[in-house]
Structure formats: C-alpha cells, structure tokens
C-alpha atoms as a PDB file:
ATOM      1  CA  MET A   1       0.793 -11.662 -99.388  1.00  0.00           C
ATOM      2  CA  LYS A   2       1.515 -15.396 -99.677  1.00  0.00           C
ATOM      3  CA  ARG A   3      -1.140 -17.443 -98.012  1.00  0.00           C
ATOM      4  CA  GLN A   4       0.071 -20.184 -95.687  1.00  0.00           C
ATOM      5  CA  LEU A   5      -1.491 -22.725 -93.355  1.00  0.00           C
ATOM      6  CA  LEU A   6      -1.406 -21.232 -89.894  1.00  0.00           C
ATOM      7  CA  THR A   7      -3.115 -23.493 -87.326  1.00  0.00           C
ATOM      8  CA  SER A   8      -1.723 -22.993 -83.864  1.00  0.00           C
ATOM      9  CA  PHE A   9      -2.705 -22.915 -80.176  1.00  0.00           C
ATOM     10  CA  TRP A  10      -0.840 -21.829 -77.044  1.00  0.00           C
ATOM     11  CA  LYS A  11      -0.875 -21.740 -73.320  1.00  0.00           C
ATOM     12  CA  HIS A  12       0.823 -19.901 -70.528  1.00  0.00           C
ATOM     13  CA  TRP A  13       3.449 -21.816 -68.523  1.00  0.00           C
ATOM     14  CA  PRO A  14       3.097 -20.439 -64.890  1.00  0.00           C
ATOM     15  CA  GLU A  15       6.230 -20.841 -62.736  1.00  0.00           C
ATOM     16  CA  SER A  16       8.192 -22.009 -65.743  1.00  0.00           C
ATOM     17  CA  ASP A  17       7.776 -18.664 -67.563  1.00  0.00           C
ATOM     18  CA  GLN A  18      10.446 -16.904 -65.559  1.00  0.00           C
ATOM     19  CA  GLU A  19      13.450 -18.917 -66.662  1.00  0.00           C
ATOM     20  CA  ALA A  20      14.804 -19.501 -70.128  1.00  0.00           C
ATOM     21  CA  GLN A  21      15.344 -23.263 -69.985  1.00  0.00           C
ATOM     22  CA  LYS A  22      12.070 -24.026 -68.259  1.00  0.00           C
ATOM     23  CA  LEU A  23      10.016 -21.975 -70.682  1.00  0.00           C
ATOM     24  CA  ALA A  24      11.864 -23.416 -73.567  1.00  0.00           C
ATOM     25  CA  PHE A  25      11.272 -26.957 -72.318  1.00  0.00           C
ATOM     26  CA  LYS A  26       7.507 -26.412 -71.911  1.00  0.00           C
ATOM     27  CA  THR A  27       7.314 -24.786 -75.356  1.00  0.00           C
ATOM     28  CA  ILE A  28       9.334 -27.539 -77.054  1.00  0.00           C
ATOM     29  CA  GLU A  29       7.252 -30.315 -75.258  1.00  0.00           C
ATOM     30  CA  PHE A  30       4.013 -28.631 -76.384  1.00  0.00           C
ATOM     31  CA  GLN A  31       5.214 -28.360 -80.004  1.00  0.00           C
ATOM     32  CA  GLU A  32       6.493 -31.946 -80.137  1.00  0.00           C
ATOM     33  CA  ARG A  33       3.100 -33.198 -78.976  1.00  0.00           C
ATOM     34  CA  HIS A  34       0.774 -30.963 -81.027  1.00  0.00           C
ATOM     35  CA  LYS A  35       2.804 -29.984 -84.093  1.00  0.00           C
ATOM     36  CA  CYS A  36       1.416 -26.494 -84.554  1.00  0.00           C
ATOM     37  CA  ASP A  37       2.176 -24.562 -87.732  1.00  0.00           C
ATOM     38  CA  PHE A  38       4.089 -21.982 -85.753  1.00  0.00           C
ATOM     39  CA  ILE A  39       5.710 -22.236 -82.312  1.00  0.00           C
ATOM     40  CA  LYS A  40       4.549 -19.437 -80.031  1.00  0.00           C
ATOM     41  CA  ILE A  41       6.702 -18.432 -77.087  1.00  0.00           C
ATOM     42  CA  THR A  42       4.251 -17.330 -74.389  1.00  0.00           C
ATOM     43  CA  PRO A  43       5.822 -15.682 -71.370  1.00  0.00           C
ATOM     44  CA  ALA A  44       3.897 -14.086 -68.516  1.00  0.00           C
ATOM     45  CA  GLY A  45       1.887 -11.127 -69.801  1.00  0.00           C
ATOM     46  CA  THR A  46       3.717  -8.900 -67.234  1.00  0.00           C
ATOM     47  CA  TRP A  47       7.254  -9.634 -68.571  1.00  0.00           C
ATOM     48  CA  GLN A  48       8.001  -6.374 -70.304  1.00  0.00           C
ATOM     49  CA  ALA A  49       6.546  -4.232 -67.483  1.00  0.00           C
ATOM     50  CA  VAL A  50       8.690  -6.192 -64.943  1.00  0.00           C
ATOM     51  CA  CYS A  51      11.764  -5.302 -67.081  1.00  0.00           C
ATOM     52  CA  TYR A  52      11.107  -1.628 -66.094  1.00  0.00           C
ATOM     53  CA  GLY A  53      10.675  -2.355 -62.405  1.00  0.00           C
ATOM     54  CA  VAL A  54       7.014  -3.153 -62.046  1.00  0.00           C
ATOM     55  CA  GLU A  55       6.331  -5.847 -59.410  1.00  0.00           C
ATOM     56  CA  ASP A  56       4.045  -8.826 -60.061  1.00  0.00           C
ATOM     57  CA  GLU A  57       2.952 -11.700 -57.877  1.00  0.00           C
ATOM     58  CA  ASN A  58       3.866 -15.319 -58.291  1.00  0.00           C
ATOM     59  CA  TRP A  59       1.261 -17.290 -60.110  1.00  0.00           C
ATOM     60  CA  ASN A  60      -1.702 -17.588 -57.750  1.00  0.00           C
ATOM     61  CA  ASN A  61      -3.698 -20.370 -59.447  1.00  0.00           C
ATOM     62  CA  ASP A  62      -5.180 -18.176 -62.162  1.00  0.00           C
ATOM     63  CA  PRO A  63      -6.883 -20.570 -64.535  1.00  0.00           C
ATOM     64  CA  LEU A  64      -5.112 -19.097 -67.581  1.00  0.00           C
ATOM     65  CA  GLY A  65      -1.718 -18.939 -65.882  1.00  0.00           C
ATOM     66  CA  ARG A  66      -1.491 -15.206 -65.597  1.00  0.00           C
ATOM     67  CA  ARG A  67       0.380 -13.172 -63.008  1.00  0.00           C
ATOM     68  CA  LYS A  68      -1.115 -10.008 -61.548  1.00  0.00           C
ATOM     69  CA  ILE A  69       0.774  -6.685 -61.169  1.00  0.00           C
ATOM     70  CA  THR A  70       1.032  -5.765 -57.520  1.00  0.00           C
ATOM     71  CA  LYS A  71       3.019  -2.494 -57.745  1.00  0.00           C
ATOM     72  CA  THR A  72       3.180  -0.023 -60.630  1.00  0.00           C
ATOM     73  CA  LEU A  73       6.069   2.193 -61.463  1.00  0.00           C
ATOM     74  CA  ILE A  74       4.621   5.498 -62.718  1.00  0.00           C
ATOM     75  CA  GLN A  75       3.306   7.807 -59.991  1.00  0.00           C
ATOM     76  CA  ASP A  76       4.220  11.292 -61.106  1.00  0.00           C
ATOM     77  CA  SER A  77       4.135  12.361 -64.719  1.00  0.00           C
ATOM     78  CA  ALA A  78       7.863  13.131 -64.611  1.00  0.00           C
ATOM     79  CA  ASP A  79       8.394   9.391 -64.103  1.00  0.00           C
ATOM     80  CA  TRP A  80       7.697   8.825 -67.819  1.00  0.00           C
ATOM     81  CA  LEU A  81      10.997  10.561 -68.552  1.00  0.00           C
ATOM     82  CA  ARG A  82      12.951   8.293 -66.263  1.00  0.00           C
ATOM     83  CA  LEU A  83      12.222   4.958 -67.974  1.00  0.00           C
ATOM     84  CA  LYS A  84      15.137   2.593 -68.550  1.00  0.00           C
ATOM     85  CA  ASP A  85      17.002   2.176 -71.832  1.00  0.00           C
ATOM     86  CA  PHE A  86      17.180  -1.604 -72.349  1.00  0.00           C
ATOM     87  CA  SER A  87      20.059  -1.313 -74.748  1.00  0.00           C
ATOM     88  CA  ARG A  88      22.319   0.086 -72.057  1.00  0.00           C
ATOM     89  CA  LYS A  89      21.627  -2.727 -69.623  1.00  0.00           C
ATOM     90  CA  ILE A  90      19.437  -5.611 -70.701  1.00  0.00           C
ATOM     91  CA  PRO A  91      16.988  -6.434 -67.912  1.00  0.00           C
ATOM     92  CA  ALA A  92      17.335  -9.858 -66.230  1.00  0.00           C
ATOM     93  CA  LEU A  93      13.899 -11.069 -67.224  1.00  0.00           C
ATOM     94  CA  MET A  94      14.411  -9.996 -70.799  1.00  0.00           C
ATOM     95  CA  LYS A  95      17.609 -12.163 -70.886  1.00  0.00           C
ATOM     96  CA  GLU A  96      15.526 -15.151 -69.780  1.00  0.00           C
ATOM     97  CA  ILE A  97      12.690 -14.666 -72.275  1.00  0.00           C
ATOM     98  CA  VAL A  98      14.978 -14.087 -75.150  1.00  0.00           C
ATOM     99  CA  GLY A  99      17.184 -16.850 -73.926  1.00  0.00           C
ATOM    100  CA  SER A 100      14.285 -19.290 -74.182  1.00  0.00           C
ATOM    101  CA  CYS A 101      14.069 -18.448 -77.920  1.00  0.00           C
ATOM    102  CA  LYS A 102      17.760 -19.490 -78.328  1.00  0.00           C
ATOM    103  CA  TYR A 103      17.076 -22.878 -76.725  1.00  0.00           C
ATOM    104  CA  ILE A 104      14.051 -23.427 -78.908  1.00  0.00           C
ATOM    105  CA  ALA A 105      15.890 -22.390 -82.068  1.00  0.00           C
ATOM    106  CA  ALA A 106      18.712 -24.831 -81.238  1.00  0.00           C
ATOM    107  CA  HIS A 107      16.097 -27.610 -81.363  1.00  0.00           C
ATOM    108  CA  LYS A 108      15.943 -27.072 -85.169  1.00  0.00           C
ATOM    109  CA  PHE A 109      12.164 -27.210 -85.689  1.00  0.00           C
ATOM    110  CA  SER A 110      10.991 -26.740 -89.245  1.00  0.00           C
ATOM    111  CA  GLU A 111       8.185 -24.546 -88.091  1.00  0.00           C
ATOM    112  CA  PRO A 112       8.795 -20.780 -87.467  1.00  0.00           C
ATOM    113  CA  ILE A 113       9.314 -19.537 -83.875  1.00  0.00           C
ATOM    114  CA  VAL A 114       7.010 -16.618 -82.985  1.00  0.00           C
ATOM    115  CA  PHE A 115       7.708 -14.532 -79.887  1.00  0.00           C
ATOM    116  CA  THR A 116       5.071 -12.693 -77.859  1.00  0.00           C
ATOM    117  CA  MET A 117       5.354  -9.056 -76.946  1.00  0.00           C
ATOM    118  CA  PHE A 118       2.971  -6.357 -75.780  1.00  0.00           C
ATOM    119  CA  ASN A 119       2.678  -3.071 -77.677  1.00  0.00           C
ATOM    120  CA  PRO A 120       3.981   0.166 -76.183  1.00  0.00           C
ATOM    121  CA  ILE A 121       0.603   1.543 -75.073  1.00  0.00           C
ATOM    122  CA  SER A 122      -0.321  -1.645 -73.240  1.00  0.00           C
ATOM    123  CA  GLN A 123       3.130  -1.656 -71.538  1.00  0.00           C
ATOM    124  CA  ALA A 124       2.603   2.033 -70.590  1.00  0.00           C
ATOM    125  CA  ILE A 125      -0.767   1.161 -68.982  1.00  0.00           C
ATOM    126  CA  GLN A 126       0.851  -1.727 -67.045  1.00  0.00           C
ATOM    127  CA  LEU A 127       3.554   0.713 -65.801  1.00  0.00           C
ATOM    128  CA  ALA A 128       1.082   3.282 -64.541  1.00  0.00           C
ATOM    129  CA  GLY A 129      -2.275   1.612 -64.132  1.00  0.00           C
ATOM    130  CA  LEU A 130      -5.163   2.518 -66.431  1.00  0.00           C
ATOM    131  CA  GLU A 131      -6.558   5.468 -64.433  1.00  0.00           C
ATOM    132  CA  VAL A 132      -3.194   7.093 -63.839  1.00  0.00           C
ATOM    133  CA  PHE A 133      -2.339   6.666 -67.479  1.00  0.00           C
ATOM    134  CA  LYS A 134      -5.528   8.369 -68.595  1.00  0.00           C
ATOM    135  CA  GLU A 135      -5.038  11.162 -66.106  1.00  0.00           C
ATOM    136  CA  HIS A 136      -1.496  11.836 -67.260  1.00  0.00           C
ATOM    137  CA  CYS A 137      -2.682  11.749 -70.905  1.00  0.00           C
ATOM    138  CA  ARG A 138      -5.157  14.496 -70.010  1.00  0.00           C
ATOM    139  CA  LEU A 139      -2.852  16.606 -67.763  1.00  0.00           C
ATOM    140  CA  ASP A 140       0.598  16.107 -69.179  1.00  0.00           C
ATOM    141  CA  PRO A 141       0.360  14.417 -72.611  1.00  0.00           C
ATOM    142  CA  GLU A 142       3.844  15.467 -73.710  1.00  0.00           C
ATOM    143  CA  LYS A 143       5.551  13.497 -70.904  1.00  0.00           C
ATOM    144  CA  VAL A 144       3.412  10.457 -71.619  1.00  0.00           C
ATOM    145  CA  LEU A 145       4.285  10.624 -75.293  1.00  0.00           C
ATOM    146  CA  ALA A 146       7.994  10.930 -74.352  1.00  0.00           C
ATOM    147  CA  GLY A 147       7.639   7.889 -72.174  1.00  0.00           C
ATOM    148  CA  ILE A 148       5.945   5.911 -74.931  1.00  0.00           C
ATOM    149  CA  GLU A 149       8.781   6.869 -77.288  1.00  0.00           C
ATOM    150  CA  ILE A 150      11.224   5.325 -74.780  1.00  0.00           C
ATOM    151  CA  ILE A 151       9.037   2.209 -74.568  1.00  0.00           C
ATOM    152  CA  THR A 152       8.893   2.094 -78.336  1.00  0.00           C
ATOM    153  CA  MET A 153      12.680   2.230 -78.617  1.00  0.00           C
ATOM    154  CA  ASN A 154      12.956  -0.536 -76.087  1.00  0.00           C
ATOM    155  CA  SER A 155      10.397  -2.595 -77.981  1.00  0.00           C
ATOM    156  CA  LEU A 156      12.391  -2.214 -81.204  1.00  0.00           C
ATOM    157  CA  PHE A 157      15.434  -3.416 -79.274  1.00  0.00           C
ATOM    158  CA  VAL A 158      13.449  -6.454 -77.974  1.00  0.00           C
ATOM    159  CA  ILE A 159      12.376  -7.340 -81.532  1.00  0.00           C
ATOM    160  CA  LYS A 160      15.982  -7.199 -82.733  1.00  0.00           C
ATOM    161  CA  GLU A 161      17.147  -9.367 -79.894  1.00  0.00           C
ATOM    162  CA  PHE A 162      14.507 -12.041 -80.612  1.00  0.00           C
ATOM    163  CA  LEU A 163      15.500 -12.063 -84.282  1.00  0.00           C
ATOM    164  CA  ASN A 164      19.125 -12.559 -83.308  1.00  0.00           C
ATOM    165  CA  ALA A 165      18.042 -15.408 -81.075  1.00  0.00           C
ATOM    166  CA  GLY A 166      16.389 -17.230 -83.897  1.00  0.00           C
ATOM    167  CA  ALA A 167      12.779 -16.036 -84.052  1.00  0.00           C
ATOM    168  CA  SER A 168      11.073 -15.593 -87.488  1.00  0.00           C
ATOM    169  CA  GLY A 169       7.715 -14.147 -86.327  1.00  0.00           C
ATOM    170  CA  VAL A 170       6.037 -11.899 -83.784  1.00  0.00           C
ATOM    171  CA  PHE A 171       2.739 -12.106 -81.877  1.00  0.00           C
ATOM    172  CA  TYR A 172       2.203  -8.489 -81.150  1.00  0.00           C
ATOM    173  CA  VAL A 173      -0.483  -7.819 -78.555  1.00  0.00           C
ATOM    174  CA  THR A 174      -2.626  -4.900 -77.560  1.00  0.00           C
ATOM    175  CA  GLN A 175      -4.920  -5.268 -74.551  1.00  0.00           C
ATOM    176  CA  HIS A 176      -6.352  -1.767 -74.865  1.00  0.00           C
ATOM    177  CA  MET A 177      -8.029  -1.443 -78.189  1.00  0.00           C
ATOM    178  CA  GLN A 178     -11.382  -1.881 -76.353  1.00  0.00           C
ATOM    179  CA  LYS A 179     -14.070   0.695 -75.969  1.00  0.00           C
ATOM    180  CA  THR A 180     -14.592  -0.231 -72.346  1.00  0.00           C
ATOM    181  CA  LEU A 181     -10.978   0.694 -71.585  1.00  0.00           C
ATOM    182  CA  LEU A 182      -9.912   3.521 -73.920  1.00  0.00           C
ATOM    183  CA  MET A 183     -11.605   5.885 -76.333  1.00  0.00           C
ATOM    184  CA  PRO A 184     -10.459   5.418 -79.924  1.00  0.00           C
ATOM    185  CA  GLU A 185      -9.388   9.008 -80.114  1.00  0.00           C
ATOM    186  CA  LEU A 186      -6.981   8.503 -77.215  1.00  0.00           C
ATOM    187  CA  TYR A 187      -5.567   5.245 -78.638  1.00  0.00           C
ATOM    188  CA  ARG A 188      -5.031   6.984 -81.975  1.00  0.00           C
ATOM    189  CA  VAL A 189      -2.869   9.611 -80.363  1.00  0.00           C
ATOM    190  CA  PHE A 190      -0.973   7.527 -77.820  1.00  0.00           C
ATOM    191  CA  GLY A 191      -0.921   4.034 -79.460  1.00  0.00           C
ATOM    192  CA  GLU A 192      -1.118   4.074 -83.202  1.00  0.00           C
ATOM    193  CA  VAL A 193       2.272   5.610 -84.149  1.00  0.00           C
ATOM    194  CA  SER A 194       4.232   3.214 -81.957  1.00  0.00           C
ATOM    195  CA  ASP A 195       2.268   0.273 -83.306  1.00  0.00           C
ATOM    196  CA  ILE A 196       3.154   1.189 -86.828  1.00  0.00           C
ATOM    197  CA  LYS A 197       6.919   1.650 -85.961  1.00  0.00           C
ATOM    198  CA  CYS A 198       7.104  -1.721 -84.197  1.00  0.00           C
ATOM    199  CA  LEU A 199       5.255  -3.671 -86.884  1.00  0.00           C
ATOM    200  CA  GLU A 200       7.262  -1.991 -89.648  1.00  0.00           C
ATOM    201  CA  SER A 201      10.361  -3.381 -87.990  1.00  0.00           C
ATOM    202  CA  CYS A 202       8.731  -6.843 -88.423  1.00  0.00           C
ATOM    203  CA  SER A 203       7.869  -6.317 -92.073  1.00  0.00           C
ATOM    204  CA  ASP A 204      10.403  -8.969 -93.295  1.00  0.00           C
ATOM    205  CA  MET A 205       9.354 -11.614 -90.815  1.00  0.00           C
ATOM    206  CA  GLN A 206       7.771 -14.808 -91.975  1.00  0.00           C
ATOM    207  CA  ILE A 207       4.829 -14.298 -89.570  1.00  0.00           C
ATOM    208  CA  SER A 208       3.596 -11.024 -88.154  1.00  0.00           C
ATOM    209  CA  ILE A 209       0.390 -11.176 -86.102  1.00  0.00           C
ATOM    210  CA  PHE A 210      -1.294  -8.204 -84.453  1.00  0.00           C
ATOM    211  CA  HIS A 211      -3.477  -9.703 -81.703  1.00  0.00           C
ATOM    212  CA  ILE A 212      -6.269  -7.371 -80.547  1.00  0.00           C
ATOM    213  CA  HIS A 213      -7.361  -8.690 -77.197  1.00  0.00           C
ATOM    214  CA  GLY A 214     -10.864  -8.547 -75.701  1.00  0.00           C
ATOM    215  CA  GLU A 215     -14.459  -7.746 -76.450  1.00  0.00           C
ATOM    216  CA  ASN A 216     -16.084  -4.740 -78.015  1.00  0.00           C
ATOM    217  CA  ILE A 217     -12.880  -3.835 -79.764  1.00  0.00           C
ATOM    218  CA  PHE A 218     -12.317  -1.079 -82.184  1.00  0.00           C
ATOM    219  CA  LEU A 219      -9.668  -1.042 -84.921  1.00  0.00           C
ATOM    220  CA  SER A 220      -7.122   1.755 -84.837  1.00  0.00           C
ATOM    221  CA  LEU A 221      -4.522   0.350 -87.228  1.00  0.00           C
ATOM    222  CA  GLY A 222      -3.111   3.136 -89.317  1.00  0.00           C
ATOM    223  CA  LYS A 223      -0.957   1.943 -92.278  1.00  0.00           C
ATOM    224  CA  LEU A 224       0.495  -1.377 -91.306  1.00  0.00           C
ATOM    225  CA  PRO A 225       3.006  -3.408 -93.319  1.00  0.00           C
ATOM    226  CA  GLU A 226       1.438  -5.808 -95.879  1.00  0.00           C
ATOM    227  CA  ASN A 227       2.726  -8.935 -94.028  1.00  0.00           C
ATOM    228  CA  CYS A 228       0.725  -8.042 -90.934  1.00  0.00           C
ATOM    229  CA  MET A 229      -2.225 -10.290 -90.048  1.00  0.00           C
ATOM    230  CA  ILE A 230      -4.927  -9.191 -87.632  1.00  0.00           C
ATOM    231  CA  HIS A 231      -5.995 -11.649 -84.981  1.00  0.00           C
ATOM    232  CA  TYR A 232      -8.966 -11.309 -82.607  1.00  0.00           C
ATOM    233  CA  CYS A 233     -11.619 -13.448 -81.032  1.00  0.00           C
ATOM    234  CA  HIS A 234     -14.958 -13.859 -82.848  1.00  0.00           C
ATOM    235  CA  SER A 235     -17.879 -12.540 -80.890  1.00  0.00           C
ATOM    236  CA  SER A 236     -21.121 -10.686 -81.614  1.00  0.00           C
ATOM    237  CA  ASP A 237     -19.505  -7.498 -80.178  1.00  0.00           C
ATOM    238  CA  ASN A 238     -16.450  -7.646 -82.405  1.00  0.00           C
ATOM    239  CA  MET A 239     -16.241  -6.805 -86.117  1.00  0.00           C
ATOM    240  CA  GLN A 240     -17.493  -9.578 -88.358  1.00  0.00           C
ATOM    241  CA  PRO A 241     -15.231 -10.874 -91.184  1.00  0.00           C
ATOM    242  CA  HIS A 242     -17.350  -9.501 -94.007  1.00  0.00           C
ATOM    243  CA  GLU A 243     -17.138  -6.031 -92.368  1.00  0.00           C
ATOM    244  CA  PHE A 244     -13.423  -6.353 -91.788  1.00  0.00           C
ATOM    245  CA  TYR A 245     -12.613  -7.123 -95.382  1.00  0.00           C
ATOM    246  CA  LYS A 246     -14.709  -4.235 -96.619  1.00  0.00           C
ATOM    247  CA  ASN A 247     -12.380  -1.855 -94.722  1.00  0.00           C
ATOM    248  CA  TYR A 248      -8.977  -3.524 -94.493  1.00  0.00           C
ATOM    249  CA  LYS A 249      -6.637  -5.282 -96.850  1.00  0.00           C
ATOM    250  CA  TYR A 250      -4.959  -7.483 -94.168  1.00  0.00           C
ATOM    251  CA  TYR A 251      -5.645 -11.166 -93.543  1.00  0.00           C
ATOM    252  CA  LEU A 252      -7.946 -11.743 -90.564  1.00  0.00           C
ATOM    253  CA  MET A 253      -7.072 -14.548 -88.236  1.00  0.00           C
ATOM    254  CA  LEU A 254     -10.444 -14.999 -86.598  1.00  0.00           C
ATOM    255  CA  GLY A 255     -10.021 -16.877 -83.344  1.00  0.00           C
ATOM    256  CA  ILE A 256     -12.565 -19.379 -82.030  1.00  0.00           C
ATOM    257  CA  PRO A 257     -13.789 -18.385 -78.555  1.00  0.00           C
ATOM    258  CA  VAL A 258     -12.338 -20.730 -75.985  1.00  0.00           C
ATOM    259  CA  SER A 259     -15.726 -21.123 -74.425  1.00  0.00           C
ATOM    260  CA  LYS A 260     -16.945 -22.699 -77.691  1.00  0.00           C
ATOM    261  CA  MET A 261     -13.909 -24.937 -77.863  1.00  0.00           C
ATOM    262  CA  MET A 262     -14.645 -26.103 -74.325  1.00  0.00           C
ATOM    263  CA  GLU A 263     -18.233 -27.029 -75.298  1.00  0.00           C
ATOM    264  CA  CYS A 264     -17.025 -29.413 -78.086  1.00  0.00           C
ATOM    265  CA  VAL A 265     -16.720 -32.826 -76.438  1.00  0.00           C
ATOM    266  CA  SER A 266     -17.019 -35.054 -79.483  1.00  0.00           C
ATOM    267  CA  ILE A 267     -15.151 -35.353 -82.758  1.00  0.00           C
ATOM    268  CA  GLN A 268     -18.323 -34.422 -84.624  1.00  0.00           C
ATOM    269  CA  GLN A 269     -18.754 -31.239 -82.543  1.00  0.00           C
ATOM    270  CA  ILE A 270     -15.105 -30.302 -83.192  1.00  0.00           C
ATOM    271  CA  ARG A 271     -15.476 -30.900 -86.865  1.00  0.00           C
ATOM    272  CA  GLU A 272     -18.661 -28.810 -87.135  1.00  0.00           C
ATOM    273  CA  CYS A 273     -17.081 -25.985 -85.135  1.00  0.00           C
ATOM    274  CA  VAL A 274     -13.969 -25.857 -87.299  1.00  0.00           C
ATOM    275  CA  GLN A 275     -16.024 -26.023 -90.488  1.00  0.00           C
ATOM    276  CA  SER A 276     -18.276 -23.203 -89.376  1.00  0.00           C
ATOM    277  CA  TYR A 277     -15.366 -20.891 -88.647  1.00  0.00           C
ATOM    278  CA  ARG A 278     -13.727 -21.620 -91.947  1.00  0.00           C
ATOM    279  CA  LYS A 279     -17.013 -20.746 -93.708  1.00  0.00           C
ATOM    280  CA  LEU A 280     -17.167 -17.542 -91.634  1.00  0.00           C
ATOM    281  CA  ASN A 281     -13.669 -16.517 -92.623  1.00  0.00           C
ATOM    282  CA  PRO A 282     -12.719 -18.378 -95.769  1.00  0.00           C
ATOM    283  CA  LEU A 283      -9.842 -16.164 -96.717  1.00  0.00           C
ATOM    284  CA  PHE A 284      -7.808 -17.438 -93.763  1.00  0.00           C
ATOM    285  CA  ASP A 285      -6.082 -20.843 -94.035  1.00  0.00           C
ATOM    286  CA  GLY A 286      -5.897 -22.174 -90.499  1.00  0.00           C
ATOM    287  CA  THR A 287      -7.481 -22.363 -87.045  1.00  0.00           C
ATOM    288  CA  THR A 288      -6.645 -20.622 -83.806  1.00  0.00           C
ATOM    289  CA  ALA A 289      -8.316 -19.970 -80.518  1.00  0.00           C
ATOM    290  CA  GLY A 290      -9.415 -16.422 -79.757  1.00  0.00           C
ATOM    291  CA  CYS A 291      -6.725 -16.261 -77.079  1.00  0.00           C
ATOM    292  CA  VAL A 292      -4.642 -18.391 -74.717  1.00  0.00           C
ATOM    293  CA  LEU A 293      -6.095 -21.795 -73.805  1.00  0.00           C
ATOM    294  CA  PRO A 294      -6.904 -22.444 -70.125  1.00  0.00           C
ATOM    295  CA  LEU A 295      -4.534 -24.583 -68.150  1.00  0.00           C
ATOM    296  CA  ASP A 296      -7.191 -27.308 -67.786  1.00  0.00           C
ATOM    297  CA  PHE A 297      -7.658 -27.617 -71.481  1.00  0.00           C
ATOM    298  CA  SER A 298      -6.098 -31.063 -71.671  1.00  0.00           C
ATOM    299  CA  ASP A 299      -3.483 -32.422 -74.039  1.00  0.00           C
ATOM    300  CA  GLU A 300      -6.003 -35.074 -75.040  1.00  0.00           C
ATOM    301  CA  GLN A 301      -8.595 -32.400 -75.926  1.00  0.00           C
ATOM    302  CA  LEU A 302      -6.130 -30.433 -77.900  1.00  0.00           C
ATOM    303  CA  SER A 303      -4.836 -33.518 -79.744  1.00  0.00           C
ATOM    304  CA  GLN A 304      -8.433 -34.187 -80.821  1.00  0.00           C
ATOM    305  CA  TRP A 305      -8.705 -30.700 -82.245  1.00  0.00           C
ATOM    306  CA  MET A 306      -5.372 -30.877 -84.110  1.00  0.00           C
ATOM    307  CA  ASN A 307      -6.209 -34.262 -85.570  1.00  0.00           C
ATOM    308  CA  GLU A 308      -9.547 -33.160 -86.822  1.00  0.00           C
ATOM    309  CA  ILE A 309      -8.137 -29.882 -88.234  1.00  0.00           C
ATOM    310  CA  LYS A 310      -5.511 -31.823 -90.138  1.00  0.00           C
ATOM    311  CA  ASN A 311      -8.101 -34.264 -91.465  1.00  0.00           C
ATOM    312  CA  LEU A 312     -10.164 -31.328 -92.753  1.00  0.00           C
ATOM    313  CA  SER A 313      -7.181 -29.565 -94.438  1.00  0.00           C
END
C-alpha cells in the first residue's frame, strides 16, 4: 500500500448536522482553517439509524456534540425482516448527509473527502438497543442475520451514493468491538462478514479507514482489503502497535487520546506529544486524535497542533 501523509482531526456539528448546506458549510469552514490531509464529513452518530425510523433527541449540550437515541425500532424479532430498503426510497436524512458531500465536492478541494458511516452491527444495535439485540441473537439468530443482511445492502447503497456525490474515502466505524459490550464470538458471527463486504466495496478508494471505537477493544477483522487502515485510540487497555504489527498487515492509525491533547497547553508539550506517538507507531505517516474532538477544543488550540505537526513533518 502506498504510504501517504494523513494528519486530520474532526468535530461534530450539532444542530448543523441535520441539513446538507449547514453541515457542508461547517465542514468547509473547518477545512479552510486547519487544512487537514483529508476532509471528514461527520454527521450525527445516529444518522443511519434515524433513516430506518429510530427517534433521537435534539442536541442537548453533549460536550462532543452527540445526539441520544430516545426510541428504538426493533421490538419483536420479526421486526428485523421489516427493515426498509433504501434503494426503493432514499430516506430524507440520507439525502441531507449525502447532499452535504455534493456541496463540499463542488468546492474543489485538493484533499480527499471522507464520509463517516457506521457498520451494520452497530446500526443494528442502535435499532434494537444492546440488550434486545443480544437477546434476539440468542433466541432468533436467523432473523437477526437476515436483518443485518438488509442493513448491509443499505450500507453498500450508501457507499455508492457517497462515491457518486464526490467522496473518495470512507471512515467506517464500529462502536461494538469492545469486550465490555459484546463477546468476540458474537461479533464474529453477526458483524465480521458484513464488515468485509462493506470494506471490500471501498477497496478502490483513496482512503479507507476502519475506526474501532472505545476502550478494551478486540480485533475481529477477517480478511480486509489491502487499502484498509485500522484506527483506534491508544490506551493501556488497547493493543499496542508492536503487537498489532505482529498479527496484522494493515497500517495502524494510532490516535492520540483527546485527554492527552487537552493537557498540552504549550508548543513544547504539543511537540513532545506528537513526537512520542510517532516513535510509538513509526509506520504511520500522520497524526490523528483517538476520536472526535470536544466542542470546546478551540480553533486556536487546534491551529497550534496543526502548525507544530507541519513543522515536524
């Protein structure tokens, strides 16, 4: 795989993340200010679930800009068989999120546009709630798998629509490859196949990032395309880079914990932090946070980080 410089950061845009033009404006403004190596479109984390009929609250001052699901969709196991086919009628929110990509692409940035989507098993858990999902996996796994197949087909449709809208990369997220949430055996059965299908459809993209969210993660990766990079936050509970490279051939984008970034208040502290993570993971050319930056991480702070990273490159 060709190595490339991939320093980028991102935020949620609460209240603006429901409409194409507003989300595009925030994304463009952020990119023009910070000049990241890729432009990440970051809609609300609930966006795909809402496309099925899940209800979420308006942003309620969450410090990261997240929206909370207030009403799930799946109650009975037969509900997995009734999920919408997006290709028959594109959901309204999907039109907005994909539409934001069209506006950004029209701006003619030289940097690639990367869209954010959640993987099928994480979508399924948003649709049902974690405990209902696990109960249905135990009592009626065939219906759950049939539902995940529908979600996978819709996810492939989403990927195609973003490519048509001008995207050239994907930030593909799982929130549930964590031992505190799911056992690896359950993820392997209900998550791994759909991940491989979705990421194979991204095998020709300029950037393909598989973000594994959280602490105490496990890696249930299967055989992913060679262009896929793995991204997770560095912590003592997550696999260290030397262990990762013993077991996997993919590039590891090791994210700096946001808590550490917040502690760096001087140029010298930022420089030392960036240098330490480059030494920890020397095979990756670039710098990212472990996840989304808090809303109160100021433009001035981030400009200091970007300037120092560029000085060190």
